[in-house]
C-alpha atoms as a PDB file:
ATOM      1  CA  LYS A   1      -7.731   1.078  -2.621  1.00  0.00           C
ATOM      2  CA  ILE A   2      -7.354  -0.300  -6.133  1.00  0.00           C
ATOM      3  CA  THR A   3      -8.155  -3.961  -5.597  1.00  0.00           C
ATOM      4  CA  GLU A   4     -10.959  -6.009  -4.165  1.00  0.00           C
ATOM      5  CA  SER A   5      -8.451  -8.462  -2.688  1.00  0.00           C
ATOM      6  CA  SER A   6      -8.372  -8.984   1.064  1.00  0.00           C
ATOM      7  CA  LEU A   7      -5.323  -8.138   3.151  1.00  0.00           C
ATOM      8  CA  GLN A   8      -4.694 -11.858   3.496  1.00  0.00           C
ATOM      9  CA  GLN A   9      -4.759 -12.334  -0.288  1.00  0.00           C
ATOM     10  CA  ILE A  10      -2.380  -9.428  -0.801  1.00  0.00           C
ATOM     11  CA  GLY A  11      -0.027 -10.829   1.829  1.00  0.00           C
ATOM     12  CA  MET A  12       0.007 -14.214   0.146  1.00  0.00           C
ATOM     13  CA  ALA A  13       0.920 -12.554  -3.153  1.00  0.00           C
ATOM     14  CA  PHE A  14       4.005 -11.141  -1.417  1.00  0.00           C
ATOM     15  CA  LYS A  15       5.661 -14.388  -0.364  1.00  0.00           C
ATOM     16  CA  LYS A  16       3.008 -15.404   2.153  1.00  0.00           C
ATOM     17  CA  LYS A  17       3.249 -12.340   4.370  1.00  0.00           C
ATOM     18  CA  ASP A  18       0.709 -12.119   7.169  1.00  0.00           C
ATOM     19  CA  HIS A  19      -2.272  -9.786   6.726  1.00  0.00           C
ATOM     20  CA  THR A  20      -1.034  -7.697   9.661  1.00  0.00           C
ATOM     21  CA  THR A  21       2.177  -6.992   7.744  1.00  0.00           C
ATOM     22  CA  VAL A  22       0.097  -5.665   4.857  1.00  0.00           C
ATOM     23  CA  LEU A  23      -1.990  -3.543   7.237  1.00  0.00           C
ATOM     24  CA  HIS A  24       1.140  -2.106   8.865  1.00  0.00           C
ATOM     25  CA  ALA A  25       2.628  -1.246   5.463  1.00  0.00           C
ATOM     26  CA  HIS A  26      -0.618   0.417   4.368  1.00  0.00           C
ATOM     27  CA  ARG A  27      -0.751   2.554   7.502  1.00  0.00           C
ATOM     28  CA  LYS A  28       2.914   3.490   7.216  1.00  0.00           C
ATOM     29  CA  ILE A  29       2.595   4.615   3.598  1.00  0.00           C
ATOM     30  CA  ALA A  30      -0.610   6.525   4.399  1.00  0.00           C
ATOM     31  CA  GLN A  31       1.250   8.431   7.121  1.00  0.00           C
ATOM     32  CA  MET A  32       4.203   9.094   4.826  1.00  0.00           C
ATOM     33  CA  ILE A  33       1.839  10.463   2.167  1.00  0.00           C
ATOM     34  CA  LYS A  34       0.426  12.937   4.710  1.00  0.00           C
ATOM     35  CA  GLU A  35       3.850  14.071   5.886  1.00  0.00           C
ATOM     36  CA  GLN A  36       5.915  14.061   2.686  1.00  0.00           C
ATOM     37  CA  PRO A  37       4.554  15.718  -0.461  1.00  0.00           C
ATOM     38  CA  ARG A  38       7.154  13.967  -2.641  1.00  0.00           C
ATOM     39  CA  ILE A  39       5.917  10.546  -1.495  1.00  0.00           C
ATOM     40  CA  LYS A  40       2.347  11.575  -2.337  1.00  0.00           C
ATOM     41  CA  GLN A  41       3.500  12.655  -5.784  1.00  0.00           C
ATOM     42  CA  ILE A  42       5.251   9.322  -6.370  1.00  0.00           C
ATOM     43  CA  VAL A  43       2.235   7.304  -5.221  1.00  0.00           C
ATOM     44  CA  ASP A  44      -0.104   9.402  -7.375  1.00  0.00           C
ATOM     45  CA  THR A  45       2.127   8.796 -10.402  1.00  0.00           C
ATOM     46  CA  ILE A  46       2.183   5.049  -9.809  1.00  0.00           C
ATOM     47  CA  GLU A  47      -1.592   4.911  -9.294  1.00  0.00           C
ATOM     48  CA  GLY A  48      -2.095   6.896 -12.487  1.00  0.00           C
ATOM     49  CA  LYS A  49      -0.229   4.231 -14.421  1.00  0.00           C
ATOM     50  CA  LEU A  50      -2.365   1.389 -13.088  1.00  0.00           C
END
């Protein structure tokens, strides 16, 4: 969302994690944002600081 890096590049930045791990994490957080307003608020705050 905020980077042009590929999932593979992001995974490598996090101790060589596989791109599927990054995809799973993205999907999990997206679902949490939909279900938990507090999580959305936290993510919005973090994104606002970037």
